[in-house]
Amino acid sequence: MNPIRTMVDRLKTGRKEMAEKLELERLAAQEAMQWELATLERFARLNEALVEAKRQFEVVISRMDEAAQPYSVQTAALELCQDWGQLPRVVASLASSRCLTEYRAALLEEIKRQLIGGAEAELSAFREANVDLLKKHGLIV
């Protein structure tokens, strides 16, 4: 065999192997970048879910406070004197006002646990699982 041809064939083979190696490295880098992006997007969604859960909790508190406005016996009697047809609503208002006043703290704690607790736990677990990546991008300290 011709020594020059052998050298040319080796160079072609080496160049082809180098191109294949570079392509594999490029594909690996692209896959790693896609994984990073997917992880960062999930982190953003979990943060958004936590913010939304906190917003919903604030809405619950404001509606509960609105519903728990003192409803006095005098107000109930006045409404009933004006219209006995209001009896079911007056009784419900008295019961609701008293119940909310008595159980407000426990009820709010349970609502907070259900609304916010799950979102916080999921976000915390995600942070722990992806701490290096999140630190790399400055999302956590």
C-alpha atoms as a PDB file:
ATOM      1  CA  MET A   1       0.000   0.000   0.000  1.00  0.00           C
ATOM      2  CA  ASN A   2       1.094   3.533  -0.731  1.00  0.00           C
ATOM      3  CA  PRO A   3       2.480   5.292   2.406  1.00  0.00           C
ATOM      4  CA  ILE A   4       1.038   8.638   1.355  1.00  0.00           C
ATOM      5  CA  ARG A   5      -2.414   7.102   0.845  1.00  0.00           C
ATOM      6  CA  THR A   6      -2.132   5.498   4.302  1.00  0.00           C
ATOM      7  CA  MET A   7      -1.290   8.857   5.859  1.00  0.00           C
ATOM      8  CA  VAL A   8      -4.199  10.575   4.041  1.00  0.00           C
ATOM      9  CA  ASP A   9      -6.589   7.825   5.154  1.00  0.00           C
ATOM     10  CA  ARG A  10      -5.409   8.196   8.752  1.00  0.00           C
ATOM     11  CA  LEU A  11      -5.907  11.960   8.602  1.00  0.00           C
ATOM     12  CA  LYS A  12      -9.415  11.514   7.171  1.00  0.00           C
ATOM     13  CA  THR A  13     -10.247   8.937   9.825  1.00  0.00           C
ATOM     14  CA  GLY A  14      -8.847  11.172  12.580  1.00  0.00           C
ATOM     15  CA  ARG A  15     -10.784  14.165  11.278  1.00  0.00           C
ATOM     16  CA  LYS A  16     -13.985  12.106  11.060  1.00  0.00           C
ATOM     17  CA  GLU A  17     -13.503  10.766  14.613  1.00  0.00           C
ATOM     18  CA  MET A  18     -12.830  14.288  15.896  1.00  0.00           C
ATOM     19  CA  ALA A  19     -16.005  15.577  14.184  1.00  0.00           C
ATOM     20  CA  GLU A  20     -18.028  12.746  15.720  1.00  0.00           C
ATOM     21  CA  LYS A  21     -16.543  13.452  19.148  1.00  0.00           C
ATOM     22  CA  LEU A  22     -17.305  17.164  18.827  1.00  0.00           C
ATOM     23  CA  GLU A  23     -20.878  16.380  17.739  1.00  0.00           C
ATOM     24  CA  LEU A  24     -21.375  14.110  20.759  1.00  0.00           C
ATOM     25  CA  GLU A  25     -20.016  16.809  23.063  1.00  0.00           C
ATOM     26  CA  ARG A  26     -22.291  19.385  21.444  1.00  0.00           C
ATOM     27  CA  LEU A  27     -25.310  17.116  21.877  1.00  0.00           C
ATOM     28  CA  ALA A  28     -24.394  16.444  25.508  1.00  0.00           C
ATOM     29  CA  ALA A  29     -24.013  20.182  26.178  1.00  0.00           C
ATOM     30  CA  GLN A  30     -27.339  20.879  24.472  1.00  0.00           C
ATOM     31  CA  GLU A  31     -29.060  18.181  26.548  1.00  0.00           C
ATOM     32  CA  ALA A  32     -27.542  19.570  29.756  1.00  0.00           C
ATOM     33  CA  MET A  33     -28.735  23.060  28.810  1.00  0.00           C
ATOM     34  CA  GLN A  34     -32.266  21.768  28.149  1.00  0.00           C
ATOM     35  CA  TRP A  35     -32.279  20.003  31.520  1.00  0.00           C
ATOM     36  CA  GLU A  36     -31.124  23.205  33.257  1.00  0.00           C
ATOM     37  CA  LEU A  37     -33.797  25.235  31.518  1.00  0.00           C
ATOM     38  CA  ALA A  38     -36.520  22.728  32.422  1.00  0.00           C
ATOM     39  CA  THR A  39     -35.347  22.737  36.036  1.00  0.00           C
ATOM     40  CA  LEU A  40     -35.344  26.546  36.212  1.00  0.00           C
ATOM     41  CA  GLU A  41     -38.807  26.690  34.636  1.00  0.00           C
ATOM     42  CA  ARG A  42     -40.129  24.228  37.227  1.00  0.00           C
ATOM     43  CA  PHE A  43     -38.578  26.312  40.018  1.00  0.00           C
ATOM     44  CA  ALA A  44     -40.343  29.384  38.630  1.00  0.00           C
ATOM     45  CA  ARG A  45     -43.676  27.525  38.462  1.00  0.00           C
ATOM     46  CA  LEU A  46     -43.314  26.293  42.054  1.00  0.00           C
ATOM     47  CA  ASN A  47     -42.553  29.833  43.242  1.00  0.00           C
ATOM     48  CA  GLU A  48     -45.557  31.151  41.342  1.00  0.00           C
ATOM     49  CA  ALA A  49     -47.751  28.449  42.884  1.00  0.00           C
ATOM     50  CA  LEU A  50     -46.589  29.433  46.367  1.00  0.00           C
ATOM     51  CA  VAL A  51     -47.299  33.115  45.696  1.00  0.00           C
ATOM     52  CA  GLU A  52     -50.761  32.201  44.373  1.00  0.00           C
ATOM     53  CA  ALA A  53     -51.478  30.029  47.444  1.00  0.00           C
ATOM     54  CA  LYS A  54     -50.510  32.935  49.710  1.00  0.00           C
ATOM     55  CA  ARG A  55     -52.748  35.273  47.698  1.00  0.00           C
ATOM     56  CA  GLN A  56     -55.656  32.847  48.031  1.00  0.00           C
ATOM     57  CA  PHE A  57     -55.033  32.666  51.761  1.00  0.00           C
ATOM     58  CA  GLU A  58     -55.243  36.454  51.998  1.00  0.00           C
ATOM     59  CA  VAL A  59     -58.549  36.348  50.107  1.00  0.00           C
ATOM     60  CA  VAL A  60     -59.844  33.728  52.544  1.00  0.00           C
ATOM     61  CA  ILE A  61     -58.826  35.893  55.496  1.00  0.00           C
ATOM     62  CA  SER A  62     -60.515  38.991  54.082  1.00  0.00           C
ATOM     63  CA  ARG A  63     -63.727  37.097  53.289  1.00  0.00           C
ATOM     64  CA  MET A  64     -63.705  35.462  56.698  1.00  0.00           C
ATOM     65  CA  ASP A  65     -63.191  38.817  58.414  1.00  0.00           C
ATOM     66  CA  GLU A  66     -66.033  40.249  56.381  1.00  0.00           C
ATOM     67  CA  ALA A  67     -68.327  37.356  57.313  1.00  0.00           C
ATOM     68  CA  ALA A  68     -67.317  37.490  60.975  1.00  0.00           C
ATOM     69  CA  GLN A  69     -68.437  41.058  61.532  1.00  0.00           C
ATOM     70  CA  PRO A  70     -70.238  41.260  64.843  1.00  0.00           C
ATOM     71  CA  TYR A  71     -73.879  40.430  64.428  1.00  0.00           C
ATOM     72  CA  SER A  72     -75.576  41.499  67.620  1.00  0.00           C
ATOM     73  CA  VAL A  73     -78.759  40.236  69.164  1.00  0.00           C
ATOM     74  CA  GLN A  74     -80.146  43.764  68.879  1.00  0.00           C
ATOM     75  CA  THR A  75     -79.513  43.821  65.117  1.00  0.00           C
ATOM     76  CA  ALA A  76     -81.106  40.392  64.786  1.00  0.00           C
ATOM     77  CA  ALA A  77     -84.172  41.441  66.781  1.00  0.00           C
ATOM     78  CA  LEU A  78     -84.581  44.625  64.734  1.00  0.00           C
ATOM     79  CA  GLU A  79     -84.438  42.678  61.454  1.00  0.00           C
ATOM     80  CA  LEU A  80     -86.902  40.087  62.735  1.00  0.00           C
ATOM     81  CA  CYS A  81     -89.339  42.769  63.903  1.00  0.00           C
ATOM     82  CA  GLN A  82     -89.260  44.262  60.429  1.00  0.00           C
ATOM     83  CA  ASP A  83     -89.656  40.931  58.614  1.00  0.00           C
ATOM     84  CA  TRP A  84     -90.171  37.529  60.228  1.00  0.00           C
ATOM     85  CA  GLY A  85     -89.381  35.942  56.877  1.00  0.00           C
ATOM     86  CA  GLN A  86     -85.741  36.792  57.595  1.00  0.00           C
ATOM     87  CA  LEU A  87     -85.617  34.295  60.495  1.00  0.00           C
ATOM     88  CA  PRO A  88     -83.524  31.623  58.693  1.00  0.00           C
ATOM     89  CA  ARG A  89     -80.982  34.212  57.512  1.00  0.00           C
ATOM     90  CA  VAL A  90     -80.812  35.922  60.920  1.00  0.00           C
ATOM     91  CA  VAL A  91     -80.257  32.614  62.723  1.00  0.00           C
ATOM     92  CA  ALA A  92     -77.579  31.621  60.188  1.00  0.00           C
ATOM     93  CA  SER A  93     -75.885  35.018  60.585  1.00  0.00           C
ATOM     94  CA  LEU A  94     -75.848  34.731  64.377  1.00  0.00           C
ATOM     95  CA  ALA A  95     -74.481  31.190  64.251  1.00  0.00           C
ATOM     96  CA  SER A  96     -71.919  32.033  61.608  1.00  0.00           C
ATOM     97  CA  SER A  97     -70.674  35.112  63.445  1.00  0.00           C
ATOM     98  CA  ARG A  98     -70.329  33.206  66.731  1.00  0.00           C
ATOM     99  CA  CYS A  99     -68.702  30.181  65.120  1.00  0.00           C
ATOM    100  CA  LEU A 100     -66.185  32.234  63.177  1.00  0.00           C
ATOM    101  CA  THR A 101     -65.298  34.259  66.251  1.00  0.00           C
ATOM    102  CA  GLU A 102     -64.769  31.119  68.309  1.00  0.00           C
ATOM    103  CA  TYR A 103     -62.852  29.027  65.778  1.00  0.00           C
ATOM    104  CA  ARG A 104     -61.185  31.692  63.624  1.00  0.00           C
ATOM    105  CA  ALA A 105     -57.576  31.026  64.676  1.00  0.00           C
ATOM    106  CA  ALA A 106     -57.817  27.244  64.330  1.00  0.00           C
ATOM    107  CA  LEU A 107     -59.665  27.544  61.042  1.00  0.00           C
ATOM    108  CA  LEU A 108     -57.109  29.947  59.598  1.00  0.00           C
ATOM    109  CA  GLU A 109     -54.239  27.696  60.688  1.00  0.00           C
ATOM    110  CA  GLU A 110     -55.819  24.679  58.990  1.00  0.00           C
ATOM    111  CA  ILE A 111     -56.565  26.642  55.809  1.00  0.00           C
ATOM    112  CA  LYS A 112     -52.981  27.920  55.772  1.00  0.00           C
ATOM    113  CA  ARG A 113     -51.641  24.381  56.242  1.00  0.00           C
ATOM    114  CA  GLN A 114     -53.740  23.073  53.372  1.00  0.00           C
ATOM    115  CA  LEU A 115     -53.288  26.006  50.977  1.00  0.00           C
ATOM    116  CA  ILE A 116     -49.707  27.056  51.597  1.00  0.00           C
ATOM    117  CA  GLY A 117     -48.150  24.075  53.376  1.00  0.00           C
ATOM    118  CA  GLY A 118     -48.178  21.770  50.362  1.00  0.00           C
ATOM    119  CA  ALA A 119     -46.744  24.403  48.038  1.00  0.00           C
ATOM    120  CA  GLU A 120     -43.987  25.260  50.531  1.00  0.00           C
ATOM    121  CA  ALA A 121     -43.122  21.582  51.065  1.00  0.00           C
ATOM    122  CA  GLU A 122     -42.917  20.904  47.324  1.00  0.00           C
ATOM    123  CA  LEU A 123     -40.767  23.985  46.743  1.00  0.00           C
ATOM    124  CA  SER A 124     -38.483  23.071  49.641  1.00  0.00           C
ATOM    125  CA  ALA A 125     -37.981  19.514  48.367  1.00  0.00           C
ATOM    126  CA  PHE A 126     -37.271  20.849  44.880  1.00  0.00           C
ATOM    127  CA  ARG A 127     -34.725  23.326  46.253  1.00  0.00           C
ATOM    128  CA  GLU A 128     -32.927  20.575  48.147  1.00  0.00           C
ATOM    129  CA  ALA A 129     -32.836  18.326  45.092  1.00  0.00           C
ATOM    130  CA  ASN A 130     -31.494  21.092  42.820  1.00  0.00           C
ATOM    131  CA  VAL A 131     -29.460  23.230  45.207  1.00  0.00           C
ATOM    132  CA  ASP A 132     -26.296  23.309  43.059  1.00  0.00           C
ATOM    133  CA  LEU A 133     -28.072  24.456  39.908  1.00  0.00           C
ATOM    134  CA  LEU A 134     -30.104  27.081  41.761  1.00  0.00           C
ATOM    135  CA  LYS A 135     -26.973  28.448  43.431  1.00  0.00           C
ATOM    136  CA  LYS A 136     -25.166  28.482  40.067  1.00  0.00           C
ATOM    137  CA  HIS A 137     -27.857  30.817  38.708  1.00  0.00           C
ATOM    138  CA  GLY A 138     -28.023  32.922  41.872  1.00  0.00           C
ATOM    139  CA  LEU A 139     -31.611  31.904  42.713  1.00  0.00           C
ATOM    140  CA  ILE A 140     -30.709  30.795  46.227  1.00  0.00           C
ATOM    141  CA  VAL A 141     -27.818  31.615  48.497  1.00  0.00           C
END
